[in-house]
Every structure is written in C-alpha cells, then in structure tokens.
C-alpha cells in the first residue's frame, strides 16, 4: 500500500514531494534488470525470426522495402515510433519541467504534416515508383542535387541517431550501475544486429512491439506519480504556483526558446520534413501495396504519436509537482535535466519492483525503433543513390551483401557519435533541433520548389539549397558555439527549500559549484538588468530560437531558388512532365478553370497514370535528360518482363 503524503508548506511554498523520499535509497533491482533485458532480447529475436523466415528471399526489394506488400497497421505503428524516440519519453517531460505547459502545443504539430503527406507526397512517391525520396530530385533537377541531398541526409541521420543513443544511456546511468559507455555499446549493437539480419520487416514488427512498450511504460509512470502527489488537482496547483501554466502565453519574440509560435511554426515545419521528405518514413510508404494503404498507415500513426506525446507532457507536469521544493538537479541527485524522468520512475516505483525497469525499457524502445529505422534508411540511400548508379549490374546477392555491410558500418558510426554527444552540455532537444533544422529546412525547401514550382530550374534549386544550408548552419553553429542570452531561455524557477534530509541540504548548498551548467536564471527576476547588458554581445540573428532553424532554411531556399531561376531563365511549365508535379489544388469537384490555375501551366496528368487503383509493380526506369533542361523528358517509365530491383541512371 503506497502512502500518499499531505503537502508540506515551508517558507511560503508547498511541496507535493513525499516527505521521506530523500531519505529512502531507491535501487534498480534484479527484477528491473530482468524486465529491461527481456525487452532487448525480444527485439533481437524478432530480427532473427525474419532473417530465418525470409532466408530464401535474398534481394534488396524484400530487405529494404518488405516486398512492398506490408500491412498498413504495423507500418503505421512503425511510422509512429520512428517519430517518437527517447526524446519524446525523456526530453519532453524535462522540457515541460523547465519551461512550463507551453510544450502542450507539440501535440498539435503532428496533424497538418500527416495531411500534407497524404495529399501530396504519398501519391508522388508511388506514382514514380521511387526507391529513395531523393531520387525525385535527380529526376526533377539533376543527379548532382540528388547525391548532395542524400549525402546530407545520411550525415544528418547519423548525428540524430548518435544523440538519441546517448540520451537513454545517460538516463540509465542515473538509475542503474550500468555506465554510459556500456549502455551506448549495448544499444548500438542490438539495433545494428536486428536491423542487419532482418531488414525492414524486422524493423517494422519490432517497432510495433516497442510502440506498445512505450505506451504502457510512460502511462504507468504517469498514473503512479499522480497517485503519489494526490491527483491532477494538486499537480495543477503546483503549476499555478510556479508560473508553469503558460499554455496561453503568445509571446512573439523570436529569440525565446519555447513559445506557442516557435512550436507551432518551427516544430510544425520540422515534422513536415519528417513526414514528407524523410527516407525512413518514405520507405514505409513505399513498403505498402498502394497509395490507399500508405495513407491508412500515415493516419494510423497519428493516434499513437499524439497519445504518447500527450502522456509525456503530462509526465512533465507531474514531474514538477513531484519534485517541487526539492529540485533533483540543484540537490545533486542527478547531473542533467534529461535524467529526470528515469529518476522519477525510480522514486515512484521504489515499492513496486520491476516497474522502473519497464519504464527504462520504454525509453530504450524509443531509441531502438528510431535508430533501427535510421540505419535501414541510411543503408538504402548509400546503396540506391551512390553505389547502384556506378554498379548497376550487380547481382541481387551482392546488393544485399553490400546493404548489410553498410548497416554494420553505420552502426559503428552511430556508436562513435553517441560517445561524442556525451561531451555536450546542451539539452538533447536543443541539439536535435539545431542539427536537423540547419539542414532539414533547406531540403524541405528544394522539394517544395521541385513539386509545386514548375518554373524553377536546376540552377535555382542548387543555389537555393546551398544558400539555405550555408545561412542556417551559420546561425545554428553560431548559436551553439557562442551561446544564447540567458534571458532568452526563460527557464522557470526551481527550489531546494523543502529538501529535508541532511544530505540534500549539503548538496543544495554546493550545487551551483558542482553543477555550473544546471544553474537557472529566471527571466523575470531581479537580475534582469544585468542579463540585458550581457545580451547585447550576442548576434541578433544567431540569437533566434533553434526551433526556427527549419523555417528559416525553408524560406531562404524557396526565395533564393525562385530569384535565381528568374535570373537564369525560367522553365516553361507547358513543357514539364506532369508526373513530376503535384497541383496545390486538384479536386475534380472544383471548376476546371480553378484546377488549371493551380497547375501553373503544367499539362494535366493522364488518368491511366493514377496508381490509386493498382498495387505497386516494380519497373525499370530509363532516364533521358537534356543538359539544358532541368525538367526531364517524357516517357521515363518502360515496363520489362524481368525488371531489375534498382533504378538505372547511367
């Protein structure tokens, strides 16, 4: 029977933390380790199962795309957990703890990108029978742009995977005797193993299993912590006292780290990139039989994405109520804010053996799902966009062998980057947004130019992409290296006033010396005048919130691309291949004049090219392109009796 403590008032503040919490030593017990280990073993066994089951289907089509006949529901679960990593389960609660309930708007940034993907991008990738999403840029503009964007995505994915491998390793080290180094190694080895041996089918079905683990693990912590603090009424009261009920604060200042506008504008565009122009997600669209099944998978992913995101934000609210008055960072219990959720699970479940291990397994499931998807996607990009154009006559066995070797090598790179991530003092969420936003925004911009702007030419796309990446890298790297003005972070106040044990008080008095990177500057306190004088030394452009990096790169690429195209000679939309474009508005119920206007002069697409009614059939692509035309010639697709599995470019 769990004891629910009555809130204690000390020095005018109320804490919902149990009075005996600090004096009780919590441990990660044997049962916790068994449960945690069991989830890793099950994930590995799924990969082995599909390796044995498909041992006679030794081809790239089955390895990277699941034979293109996968069921939409497990594919939808896989899409969901590719979006949802340990960043959601661990990073979002700590963000809510530090910055308030404004993080609630994360939930609303998931719907619009899914609608955009279903209307525009899913029909396009199925119509063109693409193997990689960047193959479209080679058809629309030039193979050089395809290779450039594909290489950038591989680098981006490796950085992303390395950081999210480090995050649960950091969390696990806070609550178990397992070191960060061993945790990183174990995670990387298991992900690489089941991805290498099982291919996309192993990834998708492991993702479905891990989605269930993530949902149960995060929900169990939320319910147990709510019971301990006395219900959501007490949680809301704690948020009110600390000023964390800031969900309806609409500050337009672009330098503030987390606001309604930075989330709804910046994060929405980041999710649009992930849902529409990301190889990991597009591989799942292409693994479905048809456009209809791919759309079902995309919408099936919405429910778990929104549910787990919402639960994680609620966990952040309960996290603050649980530790109100005795901040675990200032009191020296943990070193970084990203360790808060595992520490909460350890404290909340100290009388329920095994449950702490279940939550840590949920956090690890988020990492395993994202890393396995990333390795599989990066491997397909290396093979399809770089190796096959040069060695187009390789046998299926050699293609598959190269795919598995690249997966192993990519796993090694991920491990190295995870170790490098441990050297950063930034929060995980800020690192991810800074690196992905700097490159992702320009790539979303060049896809937008290709799909919706038929008069944009190759020179415009290339200069726009290069200019967008250069500017956003300058902004993001400058922000990481030079830092941001402390006032722009708007971290909300925390306290150690209610730490009751002697050890807590000793830690609290020295926390600013021991952990200098975790001290808090409250944006509206008495030192605001001093902060203002420091802020003058920061570059005003580099001071923008990292959540705006994607939006900035996107706008720069689109604007520069159109201007350069206008200066170097606009393409004639009437000579464009309609297969490569998607009208912004194309509804048969609308008047023909309206539909014609939104096609911008591009000829209508023939009805017989509509893939909605038919299942995917692999075709050989033969590309004939004029050097002086950025749009490809007609008749790309010719069907053969025995089509190869990989497109031929040369």
Foldseek 3Di string as FASTA:
>chain_A
DDDADDWDDDPNDTALADQCLVVDDFAQDPLLVVLLVVLLVVLLVLLVVLLVVCVVVQFPCCQQQVVLADFLQLLLLLLQLLVFALCLQQVLLLCCLWAFLLLLCLLVLQPVLLVCQLAFFLQLCQLVVDLFLLVLLCQQFNLVSSLVLLVLQLVLLLLLLLLLQQLLLQQCVLHHVDHSLVSSVSLLVSLLNSCLSRHPVSLSVSSNVLLVLLLVLLVVLLVLLCVRSPHVVLLVVLCVVQVRNCNPPADPPQLAAGHNCLCNPLVSLVSSLSCRRHRLNVSSSSSHFFSVSSSSSSVSNSVSNSSSSNSSSSSSSSLCSNCFQQDCLLLVSGQDSSNSVLVSQSSSCSVPRNSSSSNSSSNSSSSSSNSSSSLSRSLSSCLFSPPCQVVVPDDRNVSSVSSSVSSVVSSVSSSVSNVVSVVDLDRSVQVSLLSCLLQSLLVVQLLCCQAQPQQQHNVLLVVLNVVLNVVLNCLSVLCRVVHAQLLSHQTTDGHNSSVDDPSSVVSNVCSCVVRVSPDHDHNPDPCVVVSVVVRVVRDPSSSGHSSCSSVSSNVSSNVSRVVVSVVVDTDQQCQADCSRYDFPDDDPVDDPVVSCVSSVNHDDDDPVSRRRVGTRDDWEFEFDADPPGRHTHPDRTDHDPDHDPHYHYD
